[in-house]
N, C-alpha and C. Protein backbone atom coordinates (compact mmCIF):
# COMPACT_ATOMS: atom_id res chain seq x y z
N MET A 1 0.82 -1.19 0.00
CA MET A 1 0.00 0.00 0.00
C MET A 1 0.86 1.24 0.00
N GLN A 2 1.98 1.18 0.68
CA GLN A 2 2.88 2.32 0.70
C GLN A 2 3.46 2.55 -0.69
N ARG A 3 3.66 1.51 -1.43
CA ARG A 3 4.22 1.63 -2.77
C ARG A 3 3.23 2.37 -3.67
N ASP A 4 1.97 2.05 -3.56
CA ASP A 4 0.96 2.74 -4.35
C ASP A 4 0.95 4.23 -4.02
N PHE A 5 1.16 4.55 -2.77
CA PHE A 5 1.19 5.96 -2.36
C PHE A 5 2.38 6.67 -3.00
N LEU A 6 3.55 6.01 -3.02
CA LEU A 6 4.75 6.59 -3.61
C LEU A 6 4.57 6.75 -5.12
N GLU A 7 3.99 5.77 -5.73
CA GLU A 7 3.77 5.84 -7.17
C GLU A 7 2.81 6.98 -7.51
N GLN A 8 1.80 7.11 -6.74
CA GLN A 8 0.84 8.20 -6.97
C GLN A 8 1.49 9.57 -6.76
N PHE A 9 2.37 9.67 -5.76
CA PHE A 9 3.07 10.92 -5.49
C PHE A 9 3.97 11.30 -6.68
N ILE A 10 4.65 10.30 -7.25
CA ILE A 10 5.54 10.58 -8.39
C ILE A 10 4.72 11.02 -9.59
N LYS A 11 3.60 10.40 -9.84
CA LYS A 11 2.75 10.78 -10.97
C LYS A 11 2.22 12.21 -10.79
N ASP A 12 1.86 12.55 -9.59
CA ASP A 12 1.30 13.88 -9.34
C ASP A 12 2.36 14.97 -9.47
N ASN A 13 3.59 14.70 -9.11
CA ASN A 13 4.65 15.72 -9.08
C ASN A 13 5.70 15.50 -10.18
N ARG A 14 5.32 14.94 -11.28
CA ARG A 14 6.25 14.60 -12.36
C ARG A 14 7.00 15.83 -12.86
N GLU A 15 6.36 16.93 -13.09
CA GLU A 15 7.00 18.14 -13.61
C GLU A 15 8.07 18.66 -12.67
N ALA A 16 7.89 18.50 -11.40
CA ALA A 16 8.87 18.99 -10.43
C ALA A 16 10.16 18.18 -10.52
N PHE A 17 10.07 16.92 -10.88
CA PHE A 17 11.26 16.08 -11.00
C PHE A 17 12.01 16.32 -12.31
N ASP A 18 11.34 16.76 -13.37
CA ASP A 18 11.95 16.91 -14.68
C ASP A 18 12.45 18.33 -14.96
N ASP A 19 12.67 19.14 -14.00
CA ASP A 19 13.06 20.53 -14.26
C ASP A 19 14.54 20.70 -14.56
N ALA A 20 15.41 19.78 -14.19
CA ALA A 20 16.85 19.93 -14.41
C ALA A 20 17.24 19.19 -15.68
N THR A 21 18.11 19.79 -16.48
CA THR A 21 18.64 19.14 -17.68
C THR A 21 20.12 18.88 -17.45
N PRO A 22 20.62 17.73 -17.91
CA PRO A 22 22.03 17.41 -17.66
C PRO A 22 22.95 18.28 -18.52
N ASN A 23 24.18 18.38 -18.07
CA ASN A 23 25.21 19.14 -18.75
C ASN A 23 25.56 18.42 -20.06
N LEU A 24 25.99 19.12 -21.10
CA LEU A 24 26.36 18.52 -22.38
C LEU A 24 27.60 17.63 -22.24
N LYS A 25 28.45 17.95 -21.27
CA LYS A 25 29.64 17.13 -21.05
C LYS A 25 29.24 15.72 -20.62
N VAL A 26 28.19 15.59 -19.85
CA VAL A 26 27.72 14.28 -19.42
C VAL A 26 27.31 13.46 -20.64
N TRP A 27 26.57 14.08 -21.57
CA TRP A 27 26.13 13.37 -22.77
C TRP A 27 27.33 13.01 -23.65
N ALA A 28 28.34 13.84 -23.68
CA ALA A 28 29.54 13.53 -24.47
C ALA A 28 30.27 12.33 -23.88
N ASP A 29 30.36 12.26 -22.55
CA ASP A 29 31.00 11.10 -21.90
C ASP A 29 30.21 9.81 -22.17
N VAL A 30 28.89 9.90 -22.13
CA VAL A 30 28.06 8.73 -22.42
C VAL A 30 28.29 8.29 -23.86
N SER A 31 28.37 9.23 -24.78
CA SER A 31 28.60 8.91 -26.18
C SER A 31 29.96 8.23 -26.39
N LYS A 32 31.00 8.73 -25.71
CA LYS A 32 32.34 8.13 -25.82
C LYS A 32 32.33 6.69 -25.28
N THR A 33 31.62 6.49 -24.19
CA THR A 33 31.55 5.16 -23.59
C THR A 33 30.87 4.18 -24.55
N LEU A 34 29.81 4.63 -25.20
CA LEU A 34 29.11 3.76 -26.15
C LEU A 34 29.98 3.46 -27.36
N ASP A 35 30.75 4.47 -27.82
CA ASP A 35 31.63 4.26 -28.97
C ASP A 35 32.80 3.34 -28.63
N ALA A 36 33.21 3.30 -27.37
CA ALA A 36 34.35 2.49 -26.96
C ALA A 36 34.00 1.00 -26.86
N ARG A 37 32.75 0.66 -26.79
CA ARG A 37 32.34 -0.75 -26.70
C ARG A 37 32.68 -1.47 -28.01
N PRO A 38 33.00 -2.77 -27.90
CA PRO A 38 33.29 -3.51 -29.13
C PRO A 38 32.03 -3.62 -29.99
N PRO A 39 32.22 -3.65 -31.25
CA PRO A 39 31.04 -3.72 -32.13
C PRO A 39 30.30 -5.06 -31.95
N GLN A 40 29.03 -5.04 -32.16
CA GLN A 40 28.19 -6.22 -31.98
C GLN A 40 28.36 -7.21 -33.13
N ALA A 41 29.02 -6.82 -34.20
CA ALA A 41 29.19 -7.70 -35.36
C ALA A 41 29.98 -8.95 -34.99
N LYS A 42 30.96 -8.84 -34.09
CA LYS A 42 31.75 -10.00 -33.70
C LYS A 42 30.87 -11.05 -33.02
N ARG A 43 29.95 -10.59 -32.22
CA ARG A 43 29.04 -11.53 -31.58
C ARG A 43 28.17 -12.23 -32.62
N VAL A 44 27.72 -11.48 -33.60
CA VAL A 44 26.88 -12.05 -34.64
C VAL A 44 27.67 -13.10 -35.42
N VAL A 45 28.94 -12.80 -35.73
CA VAL A 45 29.78 -13.74 -36.46
C VAL A 45 30.00 -15.00 -35.62
N MET A 46 30.25 -14.81 -34.32
CA MET A 46 30.47 -15.96 -33.45
C MET A 46 29.21 -16.82 -33.37
N TRP A 47 28.06 -16.18 -33.25
CA TRP A 47 26.81 -16.94 -33.18
C TRP A 47 26.54 -17.66 -34.50
N SER A 48 26.86 -17.02 -35.61
CA SER A 48 26.62 -17.69 -36.89
C SER A 48 27.55 -18.89 -37.04
N LYS A 49 28.79 -18.79 -36.55
CA LYS A 49 29.71 -19.92 -36.60
C LYS A 49 29.22 -21.05 -35.70
N ALA A 50 28.68 -20.68 -34.55
CA ALA A 50 28.14 -21.70 -33.64
C ALA A 50 26.95 -22.40 -34.28
N ARG A 51 26.12 -21.66 -35.00
CA ARG A 51 24.98 -22.26 -35.68
C ARG A 51 25.44 -23.24 -36.76
N VAL A 52 26.46 -22.83 -37.52
CA VAL A 52 26.99 -23.71 -38.57
C VAL A 52 27.56 -24.98 -37.94
N ALA A 53 28.32 -24.83 -36.86
CA ALA A 53 28.90 -25.99 -36.19
C ALA A 53 27.80 -26.92 -35.66
N ALA A 54 26.76 -26.34 -35.09
CA ALA A 54 25.65 -27.16 -34.58
C ALA A 54 24.94 -27.89 -35.72
N ALA A 55 24.79 -27.22 -36.85
CA ALA A 55 24.16 -27.86 -38.01
C ALA A 55 25.01 -29.02 -38.51
N ILE A 56 26.33 -28.83 -38.53
CA ILE A 56 27.23 -29.90 -38.98
C ILE A 56 27.14 -31.09 -38.04
N VAL A 57 27.16 -30.83 -36.74
CA VAL A 57 27.05 -31.91 -35.76
C VAL A 57 25.72 -32.65 -35.93
N ALA A 58 24.65 -31.90 -36.14
CA ALA A 58 23.35 -32.53 -36.32
C ALA A 58 23.32 -33.40 -37.57
N LEU A 59 23.91 -32.91 -38.67
CA LEU A 59 23.94 -33.69 -39.90
C LEU A 59 24.78 -34.95 -39.76
N VAL A 60 25.93 -34.83 -39.11
CA VAL A 60 26.79 -36.00 -38.92
C VAL A 60 26.09 -37.04 -38.04
N THR A 61 25.44 -36.58 -36.99
CA THR A 61 24.71 -37.50 -36.11
C THR A 61 23.57 -38.18 -36.86
N ALA A 62 22.83 -37.40 -37.63
CA ALA A 62 21.73 -37.98 -38.41
C ALA A 62 22.27 -38.99 -39.41
N GLY A 63 23.39 -38.67 -40.05
CA GLY A 63 23.99 -39.61 -41.01
C GLY A 63 24.44 -40.89 -40.34
N ALA A 64 25.04 -40.77 -39.16
CA ALA A 64 25.50 -41.97 -38.45
C ALA A 64 24.31 -42.84 -38.04
N LEU A 65 23.26 -42.22 -37.55
CA LEU A 65 22.08 -42.99 -37.16
C LEU A 65 21.44 -43.67 -38.36
N PHE A 66 21.36 -42.95 -39.47
CA PHE A 66 20.78 -43.51 -40.68
C PHE A 66 21.64 -44.66 -41.21
N GLY A 67 22.97 -44.48 -41.15
CA GLY A 67 23.88 -45.53 -41.59
C GLY A 67 23.76 -46.79 -40.74
N SER A 68 23.65 -46.62 -39.42
CA SER A 68 23.50 -47.79 -38.56
C SER A 68 22.16 -48.47 -38.80
N TYR A 69 21.14 -47.69 -39.09
CA TYR A 69 19.83 -48.27 -39.41
C TYR A 69 19.92 -49.10 -40.69
N LEU A 70 20.56 -48.54 -41.72
CA LEU A 70 20.70 -49.27 -42.98
C LEU A 70 21.52 -50.54 -42.80
N THR A 71 22.54 -50.48 -41.97
CA THR A 71 23.36 -51.66 -41.72
C THR A 71 22.54 -52.76 -41.08
N ARG A 72 21.73 -52.38 -40.09
CA ARG A 72 20.87 -53.37 -39.44
C ARG A 72 19.87 -53.96 -40.43
N VAL A 73 19.29 -53.10 -41.26
CA VAL A 73 18.32 -53.58 -42.24
C VAL A 73 19.00 -54.52 -43.23
N ASN A 74 20.21 -54.15 -43.69
CA ASN A 74 20.93 -55.00 -44.63
C ASN A 74 21.30 -56.34 -44.01
N ASP A 75 21.70 -56.33 -42.74
CA ASP A 75 22.02 -57.59 -42.06
C ASP A 75 20.79 -58.48 -41.96
N GLN A 76 19.66 -57.87 -41.63
CA GLN A 76 18.43 -58.66 -41.53
C GLN A 76 18.03 -59.19 -42.90
N GLU A 77 18.22 -58.37 -43.95
CA GLU A 77 17.91 -58.83 -45.29
C GLU A 77 18.85 -59.95 -45.71
N ALA A 78 20.11 -59.86 -45.29
CA ALA A 78 21.08 -60.89 -45.64
C ALA A 78 20.68 -62.22 -45.02
N VAL A 79 20.27 -62.18 -43.76
CA VAL A 79 19.83 -63.42 -43.10
C VAL A 79 18.58 -63.95 -43.79
N ALA A 80 17.65 -63.04 -44.10
CA ALA A 80 16.42 -63.47 -44.76
C ALA A 80 16.72 -64.03 -46.14
N SER A 81 17.64 -63.40 -46.88
CA SER A 81 17.95 -63.89 -48.22
C SER A 81 18.67 -65.23 -48.14
N ALA A 82 19.51 -65.42 -47.13
CA ALA A 82 20.17 -66.72 -46.97
C ALA A 82 19.14 -67.80 -46.68
N GLU A 83 18.12 -67.46 -45.91
CA GLU A 83 17.08 -68.43 -45.62
C GLU A 83 16.25 -68.72 -46.86
N LEU A 84 16.03 -67.69 -47.69
CA LEU A 84 15.27 -67.89 -48.91
C LEU A 84 16.09 -68.62 -49.96
N VAL A 85 17.40 -68.39 -49.97
CA VAL A 85 18.26 -69.02 -50.96
C VAL A 85 18.20 -70.53 -50.81
N SER A 86 18.36 -70.98 -49.60
CA SER A 86 18.43 -72.43 -49.44
C SER A 86 17.95 -72.86 -48.06
N PRO A 87 16.73 -73.32 -47.99
CA PRO A 87 16.30 -73.89 -46.72
C PRO A 87 17.09 -75.16 -46.40
N GLU A 88 17.61 -75.80 -47.47
CA GLU A 88 18.45 -76.98 -47.26
C GLU A 88 19.72 -76.60 -46.52
N LEU A 89 20.23 -75.39 -46.78
CA LEU A 89 21.45 -74.94 -46.09
C LEU A 89 21.20 -74.87 -44.59
N ILE A 90 20.06 -74.34 -44.21
CA ILE A 90 19.74 -74.24 -42.78
C ILE A 90 19.68 -75.63 -42.16
N GLU A 91 19.05 -76.55 -42.88
CA GLU A 91 18.95 -77.91 -42.37
C GLU A 91 20.33 -78.56 -42.28
N ALA A 92 21.17 -78.34 -43.31
CA ALA A 92 22.52 -78.90 -43.30
C ALA A 92 23.36 -78.30 -42.18
N GLU A 93 23.22 -76.98 -41.96
CA GLU A 93 23.97 -76.34 -40.88
C GLU A 93 23.57 -76.91 -39.52
N GLN A 94 22.29 -77.14 -39.34
CA GLN A 94 21.85 -77.72 -38.07
C GLN A 94 22.43 -79.12 -37.88
N TYR A 95 22.42 -79.91 -38.95
CA TYR A 95 22.98 -81.26 -38.87
C TYR A 95 24.47 -81.21 -38.54
N TYR A 96 25.22 -80.43 -39.32
CA TYR A 96 26.67 -80.40 -39.13
C TYR A 96 27.05 -79.78 -37.79
N ASN A 97 26.31 -78.76 -37.35
CA ASN A 97 26.59 -78.20 -36.02
C ASN A 97 26.37 -79.24 -34.93
N GLY A 98 25.34 -80.06 -35.09
CA GLY A 98 25.10 -81.14 -34.13
C GLY A 98 26.24 -82.14 -34.12
N GLU A 99 26.73 -82.50 -35.31
CA GLU A 99 27.84 -83.45 -35.41
C GLU A 99 29.12 -82.87 -34.79
N VAL A 100 29.37 -81.60 -35.07
CA VAL A 100 30.56 -80.94 -34.51
C VAL A 100 30.47 -80.91 -32.99
N GLN A 101 29.31 -80.57 -32.47
CA GLN A 101 29.13 -80.50 -31.02
C GLN A 101 29.30 -81.88 -30.38
N LYS A 102 28.80 -82.91 -31.06
CA LYS A 102 28.92 -84.27 -30.53
C LYS A 102 30.39 -84.67 -30.42
N ARG A 103 31.17 -84.39 -31.46
CA ARG A 103 32.58 -84.76 -31.44
C ARG A 103 33.36 -83.88 -30.46
N TYR A 104 32.97 -82.65 -30.37
CA TYR A 104 33.63 -81.75 -29.43
C TYR A 104 33.39 -82.21 -27.99
N SER A 105 32.18 -82.65 -27.70
CA SER A 105 31.90 -83.13 -26.33
C SER A 105 32.65 -84.43 -26.04
N GLN A 106 32.84 -85.28 -27.05
CA GLN A 106 33.64 -86.48 -26.86
C GLN A 106 35.10 -86.11 -26.59
N LEU A 107 35.58 -85.10 -27.32
CA LEU A 107 36.96 -84.67 -27.18
C LEU A 107 37.20 -84.03 -25.82
N ALA A 108 36.17 -83.46 -25.24
CA ALA A 108 36.31 -82.79 -23.94
C ALA A 108 36.64 -83.78 -22.83
N ASN A 109 36.38 -85.06 -23.06
CA ASN A 109 36.68 -86.08 -22.05
C ASN A 109 38.17 -86.41 -21.98
N TYR A 110 38.92 -85.96 -22.96
CA TYR A 110 40.35 -86.28 -23.03
C TYR A 110 41.17 -85.00 -22.97
N GLN A 111 42.46 -85.19 -22.72
CA GLN A 111 43.39 -84.07 -22.82
C GLN A 111 43.88 -84.04 -24.26
N TYR A 112 43.81 -82.87 -24.87
CA TYR A 112 44.22 -82.75 -26.27
C TYR A 112 44.94 -81.43 -26.47
N ASP A 113 45.57 -81.29 -27.62
CA ASP A 113 46.31 -80.09 -27.97
C ASP A 113 45.31 -78.95 -28.23
N LYS A 114 45.44 -77.86 -27.49
CA LYS A 114 44.48 -76.76 -27.58
C LYS A 114 44.62 -75.96 -28.88
N SER A 115 45.67 -76.23 -29.65
CA SER A 115 45.80 -75.53 -30.94
C SER A 115 44.68 -75.97 -31.90
N VAL A 116 44.05 -77.09 -31.60
CA VAL A 116 42.90 -77.54 -32.40
C VAL A 116 41.79 -76.50 -32.32
N ASP A 117 41.59 -75.93 -31.14
CA ASP A 117 40.56 -74.90 -30.97
C ASP A 117 40.84 -73.70 -31.87
N GLN A 118 42.10 -73.31 -31.97
CA GLN A 118 42.45 -72.18 -32.83
C GLN A 118 42.19 -72.51 -34.30
N ASP A 119 42.51 -73.73 -34.70
CA ASP A 119 42.24 -74.15 -36.08
C ASP A 119 40.75 -74.11 -36.38
N LEU A 120 39.96 -74.58 -35.45
CA LEU A 120 38.51 -74.58 -35.65
C LEU A 120 37.95 -73.16 -35.68
N GLN A 121 38.55 -72.27 -34.89
CA GLN A 121 38.11 -70.87 -34.91
C GLN A 121 38.43 -70.23 -36.26
N GLN A 122 39.57 -70.59 -36.85
CA GLN A 122 39.90 -70.06 -38.17
C GLN A 122 38.88 -70.54 -39.21
N ILE A 123 38.50 -71.79 -39.10
CA ILE A 123 37.49 -72.31 -40.02
C ILE A 123 36.17 -71.58 -39.81
N ASP A 124 35.82 -71.29 -38.55
CA ASP A 124 34.59 -70.55 -38.25
C ASP A 124 34.63 -69.15 -38.88
N GLN A 125 35.79 -68.50 -38.83
CA GLN A 125 35.91 -67.17 -39.44
C GLN A 125 35.71 -67.26 -40.95
N ILE A 126 36.30 -68.26 -41.56
CA ILE A 126 36.13 -68.45 -43.01
C ILE A 126 34.66 -68.69 -43.34
N MET A 127 33.99 -69.45 -42.48
CA MET A 127 32.58 -69.73 -42.71
C MET A 127 31.73 -68.47 -42.58
N GLU A 128 32.09 -67.60 -41.64
CA GLU A 128 31.37 -66.32 -41.51
C GLU A 128 31.54 -65.48 -42.76
N GLU A 129 32.75 -65.47 -43.31
CA GLU A 129 33.00 -64.74 -44.55
C GLU A 129 32.17 -65.33 -45.69
N LEU A 130 32.08 -66.65 -45.73
CA LEU A 130 31.28 -67.30 -46.77
C LEU A 130 29.80 -66.93 -46.62
N ARG A 131 29.32 -66.86 -45.38
CA ARG A 131 27.92 -66.46 -45.17
C ARG A 131 27.68 -65.03 -45.64
N ALA A 132 28.65 -64.15 -45.36
CA ALA A 132 28.52 -62.77 -45.83
C ALA A 132 28.54 -62.72 -47.35
N ASP A 133 29.40 -63.54 -47.97
CA ASP A 133 29.44 -63.60 -49.43
C ASP A 133 28.13 -64.14 -49.99
N LEU A 134 27.55 -65.09 -49.29
CA LEU A 134 26.28 -65.66 -49.74
C LEU A 134 25.18 -64.61 -49.76
N ALA A 135 25.20 -63.72 -48.79
CA ALA A 135 24.17 -62.67 -48.74
C ALA A 135 24.31 -61.70 -49.90
N GLU A 136 25.53 -61.52 -50.39
CA GLU A 136 25.76 -60.55 -51.46
C GLU A 136 26.02 -61.22 -52.81
N ALA A 137 25.89 -62.52 -52.87
CA ALA A 137 26.24 -63.26 -54.08
C ALA A 137 25.24 -63.01 -55.20
N PRO A 138 25.76 -62.90 -56.41
CA PRO A 138 24.84 -62.78 -57.55
C PRO A 138 24.15 -64.12 -57.80
N LYS A 139 23.06 -64.04 -58.53
CA LYS A 139 22.30 -65.26 -58.83
C LYS A 139 23.20 -66.28 -59.52
N GLY A 140 23.08 -67.52 -59.11
CA GLY A 140 23.85 -68.58 -59.71
C GLY A 140 25.11 -68.94 -58.94
N MET A 141 25.59 -68.03 -58.10
CA MET A 141 26.81 -68.28 -57.32
C MET A 141 26.48 -68.87 -55.95
N GLU A 142 25.21 -68.87 -55.59
CA GLU A 142 24.84 -69.34 -54.26
C GLU A 142 25.22 -70.79 -54.04
N GLU A 143 25.01 -71.63 -55.05
CA GLU A 143 25.28 -73.06 -54.90
C GLU A 143 26.75 -73.32 -54.60
N GLU A 144 27.63 -72.58 -55.26
CA GLU A 144 29.07 -72.76 -55.02
C GLU A 144 29.43 -72.36 -53.60
N ILE A 145 28.88 -71.26 -53.12
CA ILE A 145 29.17 -70.80 -51.76
C ILE A 145 28.60 -71.78 -50.74
N ILE A 146 27.39 -72.27 -50.99
CA ILE A 146 26.79 -73.25 -50.09
C ILE A 146 27.64 -74.52 -50.05
N SER A 147 28.12 -74.93 -51.22
CA SER A 147 28.99 -76.11 -51.28
C SER A 147 30.26 -75.90 -50.45
N ASN A 148 30.83 -74.69 -50.54
CA ASN A 148 32.03 -74.39 -49.75
C ASN A 148 31.73 -74.38 -48.25
N LEU A 149 30.55 -73.89 -47.88
CA LEU A 149 30.15 -73.92 -46.47
C LEU A 149 30.06 -75.36 -45.97
N ILE A 150 29.43 -76.21 -46.75
CA ILE A 150 29.28 -77.61 -46.35
C ILE A 150 30.65 -78.28 -46.26
N LYS A 151 31.53 -77.98 -47.21
CA LYS A 151 32.89 -78.53 -47.16
C LYS A 151 33.62 -78.07 -45.89
N SER A 152 33.37 -76.84 -45.49
CA SER A 152 34.00 -76.34 -44.26
C SER A 152 33.51 -77.11 -43.04
N TYR A 153 32.21 -77.38 -43.00
CA TYR A 153 31.68 -78.19 -41.90
C TYR A 153 32.30 -79.59 -41.91
N GLN A 154 32.40 -80.17 -43.09
CA GLN A 154 32.99 -81.50 -43.19
C GLN A 154 34.45 -81.49 -42.76
N THR A 155 35.16 -80.41 -43.09
CA THR A 155 36.56 -80.29 -42.67
C THR A 155 36.65 -80.24 -41.15
N LYS A 156 35.77 -79.47 -40.53
CA LYS A 156 35.77 -79.41 -39.06
C LYS A 156 35.54 -80.79 -38.46
N ILE A 157 34.60 -81.51 -39.03
CA ILE A 157 34.30 -82.84 -38.50
C ILE A 157 35.49 -83.77 -38.68
N ARG A 158 36.14 -83.72 -39.87
CA ARG A 158 37.31 -84.58 -40.10
C ARG A 158 38.44 -84.25 -39.13
N ILE A 159 38.66 -82.97 -38.88
CA ILE A 159 39.71 -82.57 -37.93
C ILE A 159 39.39 -83.12 -36.54
N LEU A 160 38.15 -82.94 -36.12
CA LEU A 160 37.77 -83.44 -34.79
C LEU A 160 37.87 -84.96 -34.71
N GLU A 161 37.48 -85.65 -35.77
CA GLU A 161 37.58 -87.12 -35.76
C GLU A 161 39.04 -87.56 -35.69
N ARG A 162 39.90 -86.89 -36.45
CA ARG A 162 41.32 -87.25 -36.44
C ARG A 162 41.92 -87.02 -35.05
N VAL A 163 41.60 -85.88 -34.45
CA VAL A 163 42.12 -85.59 -33.10
C VAL A 163 41.56 -86.60 -32.10
N LEU A 164 40.27 -86.92 -32.24
CA LEU A 164 39.66 -87.92 -31.35
C LEU A 164 40.34 -89.27 -31.48
N ASP A 165 40.57 -89.71 -32.72
CA ASP A 165 41.23 -91.02 -32.93
C ASP A 165 42.61 -91.05 -32.29
N ARG A 166 43.38 -90.01 -32.52
CA ARG A 166 44.73 -89.98 -31.95
C ARG A 166 44.69 -89.89 -30.43
N THR A 167 43.79 -89.10 -29.92
CA THR A 167 43.69 -88.94 -28.47
C THR A 167 43.23 -90.24 -27.82
N GLN A 168 42.25 -90.89 -28.43
CA GLN A 168 41.76 -92.15 -27.88
C GLN A 168 42.82 -93.24 -27.95
N SER A 169 43.56 -93.29 -29.06
CA SER A 169 44.60 -94.33 -29.16
C SER A 169 45.72 -94.07 -28.17
N THR A 170 46.08 -92.80 -27.97
CA THR A 170 47.10 -92.46 -26.98
C THR A 170 46.60 -92.79 -25.58
N HIS A 171 45.35 -92.49 -25.32
CA HIS A 171 44.77 -92.75 -24.00
C HIS A 171 44.68 -94.26 -23.74
N SER A 172 44.31 -95.03 -24.76
CA SER A 172 44.19 -96.48 -24.55
C SER A 172 45.57 -97.11 -24.34
N LYS A 173 46.60 -96.58 -25.02
CA LYS A 173 47.95 -97.11 -24.81
C LYS A 173 48.43 -96.82 -23.39
N THR A 174 48.18 -95.62 -22.91
CA THR A 174 48.63 -95.28 -21.56
C THR A 174 47.83 -96.04 -20.51
N SER A 175 46.55 -96.25 -20.74
CA SER A 175 45.77 -97.00 -19.75
C SER A 175 46.12 -98.48 -19.79
N LYS A 176 46.48 -99.01 -20.99
CA LYS A 176 46.88 -100.41 -21.10
C LYS A 176 48.22 -100.64 -20.40
N SER A 177 49.16 -99.71 -20.60
CA SER A 177 50.46 -99.86 -19.95
C SER A 177 50.32 -99.70 -18.44
N ALA A 178 49.38 -98.89 -18.01
CA ALA A 178 49.16 -98.72 -16.57
C ALA A 178 48.55 -99.99 -15.98
N SER A 179 47.69 -100.68 -16.73
CA SER A 179 47.10 -101.91 -16.21
C SER A 179 48.09 -103.08 -16.27
N ASP A 180 49.07 -103.00 -17.19
CA ASP A 180 50.09 -104.05 -17.28
C ASP A 180 51.09 -103.98 -16.14
N GLU A 181 51.21 -102.85 -15.53
CA GLU A 181 52.16 -102.71 -14.44
C GLU A 181 51.68 -103.52 -13.24
N VAL A 182 52.62 -104.12 -12.56
CA VAL A 182 52.29 -104.94 -11.40
C VAL A 182 52.72 -104.19 -10.16
N GLY A 183 51.84 -104.11 -9.21
CA GLY A 183 52.17 -103.43 -7.96
C GLY A 183 53.01 -104.32 -7.07
N ILE A 184 53.94 -103.77 -6.37
CA ILE A 184 54.80 -104.55 -5.47
C ILE A 184 54.32 -104.40 -4.06
């Protein structure tokens, strides 16, 4: 309420407050101070550069997101095309994977050279490359790639069988010599 009273007093006595005019020297000092300030153009240039940088960042981000989306879509299409190319391939892969797992579990019962694992991993990498090639293969080349995939599975099985045979024969020789020994 006191504020309203003060405001009303100022409105009523406005002419009494405006009777003095400032000296010209005061206005000259104000003018010099305004002229001494840096021009606003630098701020405008800085803001425009910031806008350009923000636009570039936004475009790069949008491009990266779009690229990752396309990659995912292409990967899904590759899997779908591989399934459409040969349902027999899927059936063969299931069969051979089962055979590989069976021999691997048999091999796990024995001590064997662990470099076999590295060899099998190399074959797995080659098979992944073949699957990628299958997704991008032109018409007519699919059968050759599928044949190479099946040969790779067969190679894995042969390697595992060979290692199993050697490991089992070594194990049977050591167990036979241990049973031939006579305790004193």
